[in-house]
């Protein structure tokens, strides 16, 4: 899984476009279409600020969990644990659902292509 694939997986989970991810992070449009090396510390810092729930270690290495646990301070300054992190099995389930849907879309696209070919042959 490439860095771009991991960003796409996060975007799918959050239901945002990769362009929105880039824009929100302050990264140039199309950055993840062309990145081949590890992003700079500046880029990683921008991503971490824009998406504090995204586990940067996972983003870079594909190890661990995608979404990290966050804490939020209440009005008294106490940390309140807020778990925004689905467990690893839930994330795996999301990936399987996405893969299944991608496969369904691929099969439907193939069926549509075959039908278009048949229609074109009939018109001739």
PDB file of N, CA and C in Angstrom:
ATOM      1  N   UNK A   1       0.848  -1.169   0.000  1.00  0.00           N
ATOM      2  CA  UNK A   1       0.000   0.000   0.000  1.00  0.00           C
ATOM      3  C   UNK A   1       0.902   1.244   0.000  1.00  0.00           C
ATOM      4  N   UNK A   2       0.735   2.085  -0.974  1.00  0.00           N
ATOM      5  CA  UNK A   2       1.558   3.289  -1.089  1.00  0.00           C
ATOM      6  C   UNK A   2       1.043   4.390  -0.170  1.00  0.00           C
ATOM      7  N   UNK A   3       1.833   5.438  -0.037  1.00  0.00           N
ATOM      8  CA  UNK A   3       1.418   6.595   0.754  1.00  0.00           C
ATOM      9  C   UNK A   3       0.102   7.151   0.212  1.00  0.00           C
ATOM     10  N   UNK A   4       0.005   7.263  -1.091  1.00  0.00           N
ATOM     11  CA  UNK A   4      -1.216   7.777  -1.717  1.00  0.00           C
ATOM     12  C   UNK A   4      -2.408   6.869  -1.382  1.00  0.00           C
ATOM     13  N   UNK A   5      -2.199   5.568  -1.427  1.00  0.00           N
ATOM     14  CA  UNK A   5      -3.270   4.620  -1.077  1.00  0.00           C
ATOM     15  C   UNK A   5      -3.739   4.824   0.354  1.00  0.00           C
ATOM     16  N   UNK A   6      -2.791   5.072   1.254  1.00  0.00           N
ATOM     17  CA  UNK A   6      -3.168   5.284   2.655  1.00  0.00           C
ATOM     18  C   UNK A   6      -3.937   6.590   2.820  1.00  0.00           C
ATOM     19  N   UNK A   7      -3.511   7.631   2.107  1.00  0.00           N
ATOM     20  CA  UNK A   7      -4.258   8.901   2.163  1.00  0.00           C
ATOM     21  C   UNK A   7      -5.669   8.685   1.612  1.00  0.00           C
ATOM     22  N   UNK A   8      -5.779   7.954   0.511  1.00  0.00           N
ATOM     23  CA  UNK A   8      -7.096   7.666  -0.063  1.00  0.00           C
ATOM     24  C   UNK A   8      -7.970   6.872   0.910  1.00  0.00           C
ATOM     25  N   UNK A   9      -7.369   5.905   1.606  1.00  0.00           N
ATOM     26  CA  UNK A   9      -8.123   5.107   2.581  1.00  0.00           C
ATOM     27  C   UNK A   9      -8.653   6.005   3.698  1.00  0.00           C
ATOM     28  N   UNK A  10      -7.820   6.923   4.166  1.00  0.00           N
ATOM     29  CA  UNK A  10      -8.258   7.860   5.206  1.00  0.00           C
ATOM     30  C   UNK A  10      -9.379   8.742   4.666  1.00  0.00           C
ATOM     31  N   UNK A  11      -9.211   9.233   3.449  1.00  0.00           N
ATOM     32  CA  UNK A  11     -10.235  10.091   2.847  1.00  0.00           C
ATOM     33  C   UNK A  11     -11.554   9.346   2.683  1.00  0.00           C
ATOM     34  N   UNK A  12     -11.488   8.082   2.285  1.00  0.00           N
ATOM     35  CA  UNK A  12     -12.714   7.283   2.157  1.00  0.00           C
ATOM     36  C   UNK A  12     -13.388   7.120   3.504  1.00  0.00           C
ATOM     37  N   UNK A  13     -12.598   6.849   4.535  1.00  0.00           N
ATOM     38  CA  UNK A  13     -13.149   6.686   5.872  1.00  0.00           C
ATOM     39  C   UNK A  13     -13.824   7.970   6.337  1.00  0.00           C
ATOM     40  N   UNK A  14     -13.213   9.110   6.031  1.00  0.00           N
ATOM     41  CA  UNK A  14     -13.741  10.409   6.453  1.00  0.00           C
ATOM     42  C   UNK A  14     -14.738  10.994   5.449  1.00  0.00           C
ATOM     43  N   UNK A  15     -14.903  10.310   4.326  1.00  0.00           N
ATOM     44  CA  UNK A  15     -15.828  10.754   3.282  1.00  0.00           C
ATOM     45  C   UNK A  15     -15.480  12.147   2.754  1.00  0.00           C
ATOM     46  N   UNK A  16     -14.191  12.322   2.443  1.00  0.00           N
ATOM     47  CA  UNK A  16     -13.730  13.571   1.833  1.00  0.00           C
ATOM     48  C   UNK A  16     -12.907  13.238   0.594  1.00  0.00           C
ATOM     49  N   UNK A  17     -12.846  14.176  -0.314  1.00  0.00           N
ATOM     50  CA  UNK A  17     -12.027  13.995  -1.515  1.00  0.00           C
ATOM     51  C   UNK A  17     -10.568  14.252  -1.165  1.00  0.00           C
ATOM     52  N   UNK A  18      -9.675  13.625  -1.916  1.00  0.00           N
ATOM     53  CA  UNK A  18      -8.249  13.833  -1.664  1.00  0.00           C
ATOM     54  C   UNK A  18      -7.879  15.300  -1.885  1.00  0.00           C
ATOM     55  N   UNK A  19      -8.560  15.966  -2.814  1.00  0.00           N
ATOM     56  CA  UNK A  19      -8.288  17.394  -3.033  1.00  0.00           C
ATOM     57  C   UNK A  19      -8.668  18.214  -1.801  1.00  0.00           C
ATOM     58  N   UNK A  20      -9.742  17.821  -1.117  1.00  0.00           N
ATOM     59  CA  UNK A  20     -10.138  18.505   0.116  1.00  0.00           C
ATOM     60  C   UNK A  20      -9.119  18.237   1.219  1.00  0.00           C
ATOM     61  N   UNK A  21      -8.585  17.026   1.245  1.00  0.00           N
ATOM     62  CA  UNK A  21      -7.537  16.682   2.208  1.00  0.00           C
ATOM     63  C   UNK A  21      -6.324  17.581   1.987  1.00  0.00           C
ATOM     64  N   UNK A  22      -5.919  17.712   0.732  1.00  0.00           N
ATOM     65  CA  UNK A  22      -4.759  18.546   0.401  1.00  0.00           C
ATOM     66  C   UNK A  22      -5.028  20.015   0.740  1.00  0.00           C
ATOM     67  N   UNK A  23      -6.185  20.499   0.355  1.00  0.00           N
ATOM     68  CA  UNK A  23      -6.545  21.904   0.596  1.00  0.00           C
ATOM     69  C   UNK A  23      -6.592  22.200   2.095  1.00  0.00           C
ATOM     70  N   UNK A  24      -7.245  21.329   2.863  1.00  0.00           N
ATOM     71  CA  UNK A  24      -7.363  21.522   4.301  1.00  0.00           C
ATOM     72  C   UNK A  24      -5.992  21.489   4.973  1.00  0.00           C
ATOM     73  N   UNK A  25      -5.103  20.675   4.440  1.00  0.00           N
ATOM     74  CA  UNK A  25      -3.749  20.565   4.997  1.00  0.00           C
ATOM     75  C   UNK A  25      -2.842  21.709   4.561  1.00  0.00           C
ATOM     76  N   UNK A  26      -3.262  22.466   3.552  1.00  0.00           N
ATOM     77  CA  UNK A  26      -2.403  23.525   3.024  1.00  0.00           C
ATOM     78  C   UNK A  26      -1.322  22.991   2.100  1.00  0.00           C
ATOM     79  N   UNK A  27      -1.618  21.848   1.500  1.00  0.00           N
ATOM     80  CA  UNK A  27      -0.689  21.196   0.567  1.00  0.00           C
ATOM     81  C   UNK A  27      -1.159  21.492  -0.847  1.00  0.00           C
ATOM     82  N   UNK A  28      -0.226  21.596  -1.775  1.00  0.00           N
ATOM     83  CA  UNK A  28      -0.613  21.914  -3.146  1.00  0.00           C
ATOM     84  C   UNK A  28      -1.517  20.837  -3.734  1.00  0.00           C
ATOM     85  N   UNK A  29      -2.458  21.286  -4.557  1.00  0.00           N
ATOM     86  CA  UNK A  29      -3.399  20.387  -5.215  1.00  0.00           C
ATOM     87  C   UNK A  29      -2.636  19.394  -6.089  1.00  0.00           C
ATOM     88  N   UNK A  30      -2.953  18.125  -5.963  1.00  0.00           N
ATOM     89  CA  UNK A  30      -2.300  17.089  -6.756  1.00  0.00           C
ATOM     90  C   UNK A  30      -1.023  16.550  -6.135  1.00  0.00           C
ATOM     91  N   UNK A  31      -0.685  17.012  -4.953  1.00  0.00           N
ATOM     92  CA  UNK A  31       0.556  16.586  -4.302  1.00  0.00           C
ATOM     93  C   UNK A  31       0.645  15.062  -4.208  1.00  0.00           C
ATOM     94  N   UNK A  32      -0.430  14.421  -3.775  1.00  0.00           N
ATOM     95  CA  UNK A  32      -0.392  12.972  -3.569  1.00  0.00           C
ATOM     96  C   UNK A  32      -0.474  12.184  -4.869  1.00  0.00           C
ATOM     97  N   UNK A  33      -0.741  12.846  -5.971  1.00  0.00           N
ATOM     98  CA  UNK A  33      -0.675  12.160  -7.264  1.00  0.00           C
ATOM     99  C   UNK A  33       0.760  12.022  -7.742  1.00  0.00           C
ATOM    100  N   UNK A  34       1.648  12.880  -7.236  1.00  0.00           N
ATOM    101  CA  UNK A  34       3.013  12.874  -7.743  1.00  0.00           C
ATOM    102  C   UNK A  34       4.072  12.539  -6.703  1.00  0.00           C
ATOM    103  N   UNK A  35       3.703  12.440  -5.440  1.00  0.00           N
ATOM    104  CA  UNK A  35       4.702  12.192  -4.401  1.00  0.00           C
ATOM    105  C   UNK A  35       5.294  10.794  -4.568  1.00  0.00           C
ATOM    106  N   UNK A  36       6.622  10.723  -4.535  1.00  0.00           N
ATOM    107  CA  UNK A  36       7.294   9.425  -4.648  1.00  0.00           C
ATOM    108  C   UNK A  36       8.170   9.144  -3.433  1.00  0.00           C
ATOM    109  N   UNK A  37       8.542  10.192  -2.721  1.00  0.00           N
ATOM    110  CA  UNK A  37       9.384  10.042  -1.537  1.00  0.00           C
ATOM    111  C   UNK A  37       8.586  10.327  -0.280  1.00  0.00           C
ATOM    112  N   UNK A  38       9.249  10.134   0.828  1.00  0.00           N
ATOM    113  CA  UNK A  38       8.640  10.468   2.125  1.00  0.00           C
ATOM    114  C   UNK A  38       8.385  11.972   2.165  1.00  0.00           C
ATOM    115  N   UNK A  39       7.196  12.386   2.596  1.00  0.00           N
ATOM    116  CA  UNK A  39       6.905  13.825   2.673  1.00  0.00           C
ATOM    117  C   UNK A  39       7.840  14.519   3.659  1.00  0.00           C
ATOM    118  N   UNK A  40       8.073  15.792   3.433  1.00  0.00           N
ATOM    119  CA  UNK A  40       8.938  16.569   4.315  1.00  0.00           C
ATOM    120  C   UNK A  40       8.279  16.737   5.683  1.00  0.00           C
ATOM    121  N   UNK A  41       9.076  17.164   6.647  1.00  0.00           N
ATOM    122  CA  UNK A  41       8.547  17.407   7.989  1.00  0.00           C
ATOM    123  C   UNK A  41       7.497  18.509   7.955  1.00  0.00           C
ATOM    124  N   UNK A  42       7.678  19.478   7.082  1.00  0.00           N
ATOM    125  CA  UNK A  42       6.708  20.569   6.949  1.00  0.00           C
ATOM    126  C   UNK A  42       5.358  20.033   6.492  1.00  0.00           C
ATOM    127  N   UNK A  43       5.367  19.182   5.477  1.00  0.00           N
ATOM    128  CA  UNK A  43       4.126  18.581   4.954  1.00  0.00           C
ATOM    129  C   UNK A  43       3.467  17.742   6.044  1.00  0.00           C
ATOM    130  N   UNK A  44       4.250  16.920   6.726  1.00  0.00           N
ATOM    131  CA  UNK A  44       3.703  16.071   7.777  1.00  0.00           C
ATOM    132  C   UNK A  44       3.109  16.898   8.910  1.00  0.00           C
ATOM    133  N   UNK A  45       3.761  18.000   9.245  1.00  0.00           N
ATOM    134  CA  UNK A  45       3.252  18.885  10.287  1.00  0.00           C
ATOM    135  C   UNK A  45       1.914  19.501   9.873  1.00  0.00           C
ATOM    136  N   UNK A  46       1.802  19.892   8.611  1.00  0.00           N
ATOM    137  CA  UNK A  46       0.543  20.458   8.112  1.00  0.00           C
ATOM    138  C   UNK A  46      -0.579  19.429   8.176  1.00  0.00           C
ATOM    139  N   UNK A  47      -0.267  18.201   7.793  1.00  0.00           N
ATOM    140  CA  UNK A  47      -1.270  17.131   7.828  1.00  0.00           C
ATOM    141  C   UNK A  47      -1.701  16.873   9.267  1.00  0.00           C
ATOM    142  N   UNK A  48      -0.725  16.808  10.159  1.00  0.00           N
ATOM    143  CA  UNK A  48      -1.032  16.524  11.564  1.00  0.00           C
ATOM    144  C   UNK A  48      -1.884  17.622  12.188  1.00  0.00           C
ATOM    145  N   UNK A  49      -1.629  18.872  11.814  1.00  0.00           N
ATOM    146  CA  UNK A  49      -2.440  19.972  12.337  1.00  0.00           C
ATOM    147  C   UNK A  49      -3.858  19.928  11.786  1.00  0.00           C
ATOM    148  N   UNK A  50      -3.981  19.623  10.504  1.00  0.00           N
ATOM    149  CA  UNK A  50      -5.295  19.617   9.869  1.00  0.00           C
ATOM    150  C   UNK A  50      -6.123  18.393  10.259  1.00  0.00           C
ATOM    151  N   UNK A  51      -5.469  17.273  10.485  1.00  0.00           N
ATOM    152  CA  UNK A  51      -6.163  16.013  10.782  1.00  0.00           C
ATOM    153  C   UNK A  51      -5.512  15.349  12.004  1.00  0.00           C
ATOM    154  N   UNK A  52      -5.799  15.874  13.189  1.00  0.00           N
ATOM    155  CA  UNK A  52      -5.135  15.360  14.392  1.00  0.00           C
ATOM    156  C   UNK A  52      -5.469  13.904  14.721  1.00  0.00           C
ATOM    157  N   UNK A  53      -6.542  13.374  14.162  1.00  0.00           N
ATOM    158  CA  UNK A  53      -6.884  11.975  14.432  1.00  0.00           C
ATOM    159  C   UNK A  53      -6.112  10.998  13.557  1.00  0.00           C
ATOM    160  N   UNK A  54      -5.473  11.500  12.510  1.00  0.00           N
ATOM    161  CA  UNK A  54      -4.722  10.637  11.592  1.00  0.00           C
ATOM    162  C   UNK A  54      -3.377  10.273  12.220  1.00  0.00           C
ATOM    163  N   UNK A  55      -3.114   8.996  12.314  1.00  0.00           N
ATOM    164  CA  UNK A  55      -1.858   8.496  12.867  1.00  0.00           C
ATOM    165  C   UNK A  55      -0.764   8.655  11.809  1.00  0.00           C
ATOM    166  N   UNK A  56       0.136   9.602  12.022  1.00  0.00           N
ATOM    167  CA  UNK A  56       1.191   9.900  11.042  1.00  0.00           C
ATOM    168  C   UNK A  56       2.118   8.703  10.872  1.00  0.00           C
ATOM    169  N   UNK A  57       2.384   7.967  11.951  1.00  0.00           N
ATOM    170  CA  UNK A  57       3.219   6.766  11.830  1.00  0.00           C
ATOM    171  C   UNK A  57       2.588   5.771  10.872  1.00  0.00           C
ATOM    172  N   UNK A  58       1.275   5.573  11.003  1.00  0.00           N
ATOM    173  CA  UNK A  58       0.565   4.677  10.081  1.00  0.00           C
ATOM    174  C   UNK A  58       0.662   5.209   8.652  1.00  0.00           C
ATOM    175  N   UNK A  59       0.479   6.508   8.506  1.00  0.00           N
ATOM    176  CA  UNK A  59       0.528   7.117   7.178  1.00  0.00           C
ATOM    177  C   UNK A  59       1.863   6.841   6.494  1.00  0.00           C
ATOM    178  N   UNK A  60       2.936   6.914   7.255  1.00  0.00           N
ATOM    179  CA  UNK A  60       4.271   6.719   6.683  1.00  0.00           C
ATOM    180  C   UNK A  60       4.662   5.260   6.514  1.00  0.00           C
ATOM    181  N   UNK A  61       4.216   4.408   7.439  1.00  0.00           N
ATOM    182  CA  UNK A  61       4.723   3.029   7.457  1.00  0.00           C
ATOM    183  C   UNK A  61       3.685   1.954   7.188  1.00  0.00           C
ATOM    184  N   UNK A  62       2.396   2.314   7.251  1.00  0.00           N
ATOM    185  CA  UNK A  62       1.302   1.356   7.139  1.00  0.00           C
ATOM    186  C   UNK A  62       1.305   0.371   8.309  1.00  0.00           C
ATOM    187  N   UNK A  63       1.875   0.790   9.432  1.00  0.00           N
ATOM    188  CA  UNK A  63       1.898  -0.046  10.627  1.00  0.00           C
ATOM    189  C   UNK A  63       1.084   0.633  11.721  1.00  0.00           C
ATOM    190  N   UNK A  64       0.404  -0.167  12.514  1.00  0.00           N
ATOM    191  CA  UNK A  64      -0.430   0.368  13.579  1.00  0.00           C
ATOM    192  C   UNK A  64      -1.825   0.659  13.060  1.00  0.00           C
ATOM    193  N   UNK A  65      -2.504   1.594  13.723  1.00  0.00           N
ATOM    194  CA  UNK A  65      -3.872   1.920  13.337  1.00  0.00           C
ATOM    195  C   UNK A  65      -3.915   3.267  12.641  1.00  0.00           C
ATOM    196  N   UNK A  66      -4.894   3.428  11.772  1.00  0.00           N
ATOM    197  CA  UNK A  66      -5.049   4.650  10.998  1.00  0.00           C
ATOM    198  C   UNK A  66      -5.457   5.825  11.875  1.00  0.00           C
ATOM    199  N   UNK A  67      -6.436   5.599  12.722  1.00  0.00           N
ATOM    200  CA  UNK A  67      -7.007   6.670  13.535  1.00  0.00           C
ATOM    201  C   UNK A  67      -6.488   6.540  14.950  1.00  0.00           C
ATOM    202  N   UNK A  68      -5.902   7.623  15.458  1.00  0.00           N
ATOM    203  CA  UNK A  68      -5.387   7.569  16.822  1.00  0.00           C
ATOM    204  C   UNK A  68      -6.406   8.127  17.802  1.00  0.00           C
ATOM    205  N   UNK A  69      -6.236   7.759  19.031  1.00  0.00           N
ATOM    206  CA  UNK A  69      -7.124   8.243  20.081  1.00  0.00           C
ATOM    207  C   UNK A  69      -6.774   9.692  20.382  1.00  0.00           C
ATOM    208  N   UNK A  70      -7.799  10.506  20.572  1.00  0.00           N
ATOM    209  CA  UNK A  70      -7.609  11.910  20.897  1.00  0.00           C
ATOM    210  C   UNK A  70      -8.106  12.167  22.300  1.00  0.00           C
ATOM    211  N   UNK A  71      -7.615  13.192  22.888  1.00  0.00           N
ATOM    212  CA  UNK A  71      -8.189  13.626  24.157  1.00  0.00           C
ATOM    213  C   UNK A  71      -8.605  15.073  23.986  1.00  0.00           C
ATOM    214  N   UNK A  72      -9.581  15.459  24.761  1.00  0.00           N
ATOM    215  CA  UNK A  72     -10.095  16.818  24.676  1.00  0.00           C
ATOM    216  C   UNK A  72     -10.167  17.377  26.085  1.00  0.00           C
ATOM    217  N   UNK A  73      -9.775  18.606  26.244  1.00  0.00           N
ATOM    218  CA  UNK A  73      -9.841  19.218  27.563  1.00  0.00           C
ATOM    219  C   UNK A  73     -11.233  19.777  27.791  1.00  0.00           C
ATOM    220  N   UNK A  74     -11.747  19.543  28.990  1.00  0.00           N
ATOM    221  CA  UNK A  74     -13.039  20.127  29.314  1.00  0.00           C
ATOM    222  C   UNK A  74     -12.829  21.560  29.801  1.00  0.00           C
ATOM    223  N   UNK A  75     -13.881  22.227  30.214  1.00  0.00           N
ATOM    224  CA  UNK A  75     -13.756  23.632  30.585  1.00  0.00           C
ATOM    225  C   UNK A  75     -12.893  23.832  31.824  1.00  0.00           C
ATOM    226  N   UNK A  76     -12.634  22.788  32.604  1.00  0.00           N
ATOM    227  CA  UNK A  76     -11.790  22.885  33.780  1.00  0.00           C
ATOM    228  C   UNK A  76     -10.339  22.543  33.457  1.00  0.00           C
ATOM    229  N   UNK A  77     -10.054  22.224  32.194  1.00  0.00           N
ATOM    230  CA  UNK A  77      -8.685  21.896  31.800  1.00  0.00           C
ATOM    231  C   UNK A  77      -8.316  20.447  32.007  1.00  0.00           C
ATOM    232  N   UNK A  78      -9.265  19.635  32.447  1.00  0.00           N
ATOM    233  CA  UNK A  78      -8.991  18.209  32.625  1.00  0.00           C
ATOM    234  C   UNK A  78      -9.096  17.498  31.283  1.00  0.00           C
ATOM    235  N   UNK A  79      -8.245  16.520  31.096  1.00  0.00           N
ATOM    236  CA  UNK A  79      -8.337  15.732  29.866  1.00  0.00           C
ATOM    237  C   UNK A  79      -9.488  14.756  29.969  1.00  0.00           C
ATOM    238  N   UNK A  80     -10.316  14.750  28.964  1.00  0.00           N
ATOM    239  CA  UNK A  80     -11.407  13.783  28.865  1.00  0.00           C
ATOM    240  C   UNK A  80     -11.034  12.858  27.718  1.00  0.00           C
ATOM    241  N   UNK A  81     -10.854  11.589  27.998  1.00  0.00           N
ATOM    242  CA  UNK A  81     -10.510  10.660  26.930  1.00  0.00           C
ATOM    243  C   UNK A  81     -11.656  10.543  25.944  1.00  0.00           C
ATOM    244  N   UNK A  82     -11.366  10.784  24.711  1.00  0.00           N
ATOM    245  CA  UNK A  82     -12.383  10.639  23.671  1.00  0.00           C
ATOM    246  C   UNK A  82     -11.807   9.700  22.635  1.00  0.00           C
ATOM    247  N   UNK A  83     -12.391   8.560  22.503  1.00  0.00           N
ATOM    248  CA  UNK A  83     -11.874   7.559  21.591  1.00  0.00           C
ATOM    249  C   UNK A  83     -12.582   7.704  20.254  1.00  0.00           C
ATOM    250  N   UNK A  84     -11.906   8.320  19.305  1.00  0.00           N
ATOM    251  CA  UNK A  84     -12.435   8.431  17.954  1.00  0.00           C
ATOM    252  C   UNK A  84     -11.892   7.293  17.096  1.00  0.00           C
ATOM    253  N   UNK A  85     -11.252   6.357  17.707  1.00  0.00           N
ATOM    254  CA  UNK A  85     -10.526   5.327  16.991  1.00  0.00           C
ATOM    255  C   UNK A  85     -11.309   4.032  16.921  1.00  0.00           C
ATOM    256  N   UNK A  86     -11.751   3.652  15.720  1.00  0.00           N
ATOM    257  CA  UNK A  86     -12.312   2.308  15.610  1.00  0.00           C
ATOM    258  C   UNK A  86     -11.184   1.309  15.840  1.00  0.00           C
ATOM    259  N   UNK A  87     -11.479   0.178  16.450  1.00  0.00           N
ATOM    260  CA  UNK A  87     -10.407  -0.777  16.678  1.00  0.00           C
ATOM    261  C   UNK A  87      -9.946  -1.367  15.345  1.00  0.00           C
ATOM    262  N   UNK A  88      -8.839  -2.083  15.419  1.00  0.00           N
ATOM    263  CA  UNK A  88      -8.201  -2.578  14.199  1.00  0.00           C
ATOM    264  C   UNK A  88      -9.136  -3.481  13.401  1.00  0.00           C
ATOM    265  N   UNK A  89      -9.936  -4.303  14.081  1.00  0.00           N
ATOM    266  CA  UNK A  89     -10.837  -5.198  13.354  1.00  0.00           C
ATOM    267  C   UNK A  89     -11.913  -4.402  12.620  1.00  0.00           C
ATOM    268  N   UNK A  90     -12.335  -3.279  13.205  1.00  0.00           N
ATOM    269  CA  UNK A  90     -13.331  -2.443  12.533  1.00  0.00           C
ATOM    270  C   UNK A  90     -12.734  -1.789  11.287  1.00  0.00           C
ATOM    271  N   UNK A  91     -11.510  -1.338  11.377  1.00  0.00           N
ATOM    272  CA  UNK A  91     -10.841  -0.756  10.216  1.00  0.00           C
ATOM    273  C   UNK A  91     -10.676  -1.809   9.130  1.00  0.00           C
ATOM    274  N   UNK A  92     -10.274  -3.020   9.529  1.00  0.00           N
ATOM    275  CA  UNK A  92     -10.160  -4.114   8.558  1.00  0.00           C
ATOM    276  C   UNK A  92     -11.500  -4.371   7.880  1.00  0.00           C
ATOM    277  N   UNK A  93     -12.573  -4.306   8.669  1.00  0.00           N
ATOM    278  CA  UNK A  93     -13.906  -4.490   8.106  1.00  0.00           C
ATOM    279  C   UNK A  93     -14.210  -3.409   7.080  1.00  0.00           C
ATOM    280  N   UNK A  94     -13.851  -2.160   7.377  1.00  0.00           N
ATOM    281  CA  UNK A  94     -14.061  -1.069   6.419  1.00  0.00           C
ATOM    282  C   UNK A  94     -13.301  -1.328   5.119  1.00  0.00           C
ATOM    283  N   UNK A  95     -12.047  -1.764   5.266  1.00  0.00           N
ATOM    284  CA  UNK A  95     -11.260  -2.068   4.067  1.00  0.00           C
ATOM    285  C   UNK A  95     -11.910  -3.170   3.237  1.00  0.00           C
ATOM    286  N   UNK A  96     -12.396  -4.200   3.906  1.00  0.00           N
ATOM    287  CA  UNK A  96     -13.039  -5.302   3.180  1.00  0.00           C
ATOM    288  C   UNK A  96     -14.294  -4.826   2.466  1.00  0.00           C
ATOM    289  N   UNK A  97     -15.065  -3.968   3.126  1.00  0.00           N
ATOM    290  CA  UNK A  97     -16.270  -3.419   2.498  1.00  0.00           C
ATOM    291  C   UNK A  97     -15.889  -2.578   1.280  1.00  0.00           C
ATOM    292  N   UNK A  98     -14.875  -1.750   1.427  1.00  0.00           N
ATOM    293  CA  UNK A  98     -14.424  -0.914   0.311  1.00  0.00           C
ATOM    294  C   UNK A  98     -13.944  -1.785  -0.840  1.00  0.00           C
ATOM    295  N   UNK A  99     -13.147  -2.811  -0.524  1.00  0.00           N
ATOM    296  CA  UNK A  99     -12.661  -3.714  -1.572  1.00  0.00           C
ATOM    297  C   UNK A  99     -13.824  -4.416  -2.270  1.00  0.00           C
ATOM    298  N   UNK A 100     -14.818  -4.854  -1.485  1.00  0.00           N
ATOM    299  CA  UNK A 100     -15.980  -5.531  -2.057  1.00  0.00           C
ATOM    300  C   UNK A 100     -16.739  -4.577  -2.986  1.00  0.00           C
ATOM    301  N   UNK A 101     -16.948  -3.351  -2.540  1.00  0.00           N
ATOM    302  CA  UNK A 101     -17.666  -2.363  -3.358  1.00  0.00           C
ATOM    303  C   UNK A 101     -16.872  -2.026  -4.616  1.00  0.00           C
ATOM    304  N   UNK A 102     -15.553  -1.892  -4.482  1.00  0.00           N
ATOM    305  CA  UNK A 102     -14.722  -1.633  -5.659  1.00  0.00           C
ATOM    306  C   UNK A 102     -14.845  -2.769  -6.673  1.00  0.00           C
ATOM    307  N   UNK A 103     -14.879  -4.006  -6.177  1.00  0.00           N
ATOM    308  CA  UNK A 103     -15.016  -5.169  -7.060  1.00  0.00           C
ATOM    309  C   UNK A 103     -16.387  -5.166  -7.736  1.00  0.00           C
ATOM    310  N   UNK A 104     -17.432  -4.823  -6.995  1.00  0.00           N
ATOM    311  CA  UNK A 104     -18.771  -4.730  -7.587  1.00  0.00           C
ATOM    312  C   UNK A 104     -18.812  -3.665  -8.675  1.00  0.00           C
ATOM    313  N   UNK A 105     -18.204  -2.538  -8.415  1.00  0.00           N
ATOM    314  CA  UNK A 105     -18.164  -1.459  -9.411  1.00  0.00           C
ATOM    315  C   UNK A 105     -17.397  -1.910 -10.642  1.00  0.00           C
ATOM    316  N   UNK A 106     -16.297  -2.596 -10.443  1.00  0.00           N
ATOM    317  CA  UNK A 106     -15.493  -3.086 -11.564  1.00  0.00           C
ATOM    318  C   UNK A 106     -16.309  -4.051 -12.433  1.00  0.00           C
ATOM    319  N   UNK A 107     -17.036  -4.976 -11.787  1.00  0.00           N
ATOM    320  CA  UNK A 107     -17.858  -5.928 -12.537  1.00  0.00           C
ATOM    321  C   UNK A 107     -18.970  -5.213 -13.300  1.00  0.00           C
ATOM    322  N   UNK A 108     -19.586  -4.227 -12.677  1.00  0.00           N
ATOM    323  CA  UNK A 108     -20.644  -3.469 -13.358  1.00  0.00           C
ATOM    324  C   UNK A 108     -20.085  -2.681 -14.533  1.00  0.00           C
ATOM    325  N   UNK A 109     -18.912  -2.107 -14.358  1.00  0.00           N
ATOM    326  CA  UNK A 109     -18.272  -1.387 -15.464  1.00  0.00           C
ATOM    327  C   UNK A 109     -17.998  -2.330 -16.639  1.00  0.00           C
ATOM    328  N   UNK A 110     -17.541  -3.544 -16.330  1.00  0.00           N
ATOM    329  CA  UNK A 110     -17.288  -4.534 -17.378  1.00  0.00           C
ATOM    330  C   UNK A 110     -18.590  -4.911 -18.090  1.00  0.00           C
ATOM    331  N   UNK A 111     -19.666  -5.085 -17.316  1.00  0.00           N
ATOM    332  CA  UNK A 111     -20.969  -5.400 -17.912  1.00  0.00           C
ATOM    333  C   UNK A 111     -21.437  -4.254 -18.810  1.00  0.00           C
ATOM    334  N   UNK A 112     -21.278  -3.048 -18.360  1.00  0.00           N
ATOM    335  CA  UNK A 112     -21.681  -1.886 -19.157  1.00  0.00           C
ATOM    336  C   UNK A 112     -20.873  -1.828 -20.444  1.00  0.00           C
ATOM    337  N   UNK A 113     -19.578  -2.073 -20.360  1.00  0.00           N
ATOM    338  CA  UNK A 113     -18.739  -2.080 -21.563  1.00  0.00           C
ATOM    339  C   UNK A 113     -19.199  -3.146 -22.552  1.00  0.00           C
ATOM    340  N   UNK A 114     -19.541  -4.338 -22.039  1.00  0.00           N
ATOM    341  CA  UNK A 114     -20.022  -5.403 -22.932  1.00  0.00           C
ATOM    342  C   UNK A 114     -21.350  -5.012 -23.582  1.00  0.00           C
ATOM    343  N   UNK A 115     -22.245  -4.409 -22.810  1.00  0.00           N
ATOM    344  CA  UNK A 115     -23.535  -3.983 -23.358  1.00  0.00           C
ATOM    345  C   UNK A 115     -23.364  -2.888 -24.417  1.00  0.00           C
ATOM    346  N   UNK A 116     -22.472  -1.966 -24.170  1.00  0.00           N
ATOM    347  CA  UNK A 116     -22.205  -0.908 -25.151  1.00  0.00           C
ATOM    348  C   UNK A 116     -21.664  -1.516 -26.433  1.00  0.00           C
ATOM    349  N   UNK A 117     -20.770  -2.470 -26.301  1.00  0.00           N
ATOM    350  CA  UNK A 117     -20.215  -3.146 -27.484  1.00  0.00           C
ATOM    351  C   UNK A 117     -21.310  -3.856 -28.259  1.00  0.00           C
ATOM    352  N   UNK A 118     -22.200  -4.559 -27.560  1.00  0.00           N
ATOM    353  CA  UNK A 118     -23.313  -5.244 -28.230  1.00  0.00           C
ATOM    354  C   UNK A 118     -24.234  -4.249 -28.937  1.00  0.00           C
ATOM    355  N   UNK A 119     -24.535  -3.146 -28.288  1.00  0.00           N
ATOM    356  CA  UNK A 119     -25.394  -2.115 -28.902  1.00  0.00           C
ATOM    357  C   UNK A 119     -24.744  -1.511 -30.138  1.00  0.00           C
ATOM    358  N   UNK A 120     -23.465  -1.266 -30.047  1.00  0.00           N
ATOM    359  CA  UNK A 120     -22.750  -0.699 -31.208  1.00  0.00           C
ATOM    360  C   UNK A 120     -22.760  -1.656 -32.378  1.00  0.00           C
ATOM    361  N   UNK A 121     -22.642  -2.953 -32.104  1.00  0.00           N
ATOM    362  CA  UNK A 121     -22.676  -3.956 -33.172  1.00  0.00           C
ATOM    363  C   UNK A 121     -24.062  -4.019 -33.811  1.00  0.00           C
ATOM    364  N   UNK A 122     -25.098  -3.892 -33.014  1.00  0.00           N
ATOM    365  CA  UNK A 122     -26.469  -3.923 -33.526  1.00  0.00           C
ATOM    366  C   UNK A 122     -26.766  -2.711 -34.415  1.00  0.00           C
ATOM    367  N   UNK A 123     -26.187  -1.575 -34.067  1.00  0.00           N
ATOM    368  CA  UNK A 123     -26.455  -0.345 -34.822  1.00  0.00           C
ATOM    369  C   UNK A 123     -25.816  -0.397 -36.207  1.00  0.00           C
ATOM    370  N   UNK A 124     -24.814  -1.198 -36.375  1.00  0.00           N
ATOM    371  CA  UNK A 124     -24.091  -1.263 -37.660  1.00  0.00           C
ATOM    372  C   UNK A 124     -24.806  -2.118 -38.659  1.00  0.00           C
TER     373      UNK A 124
END
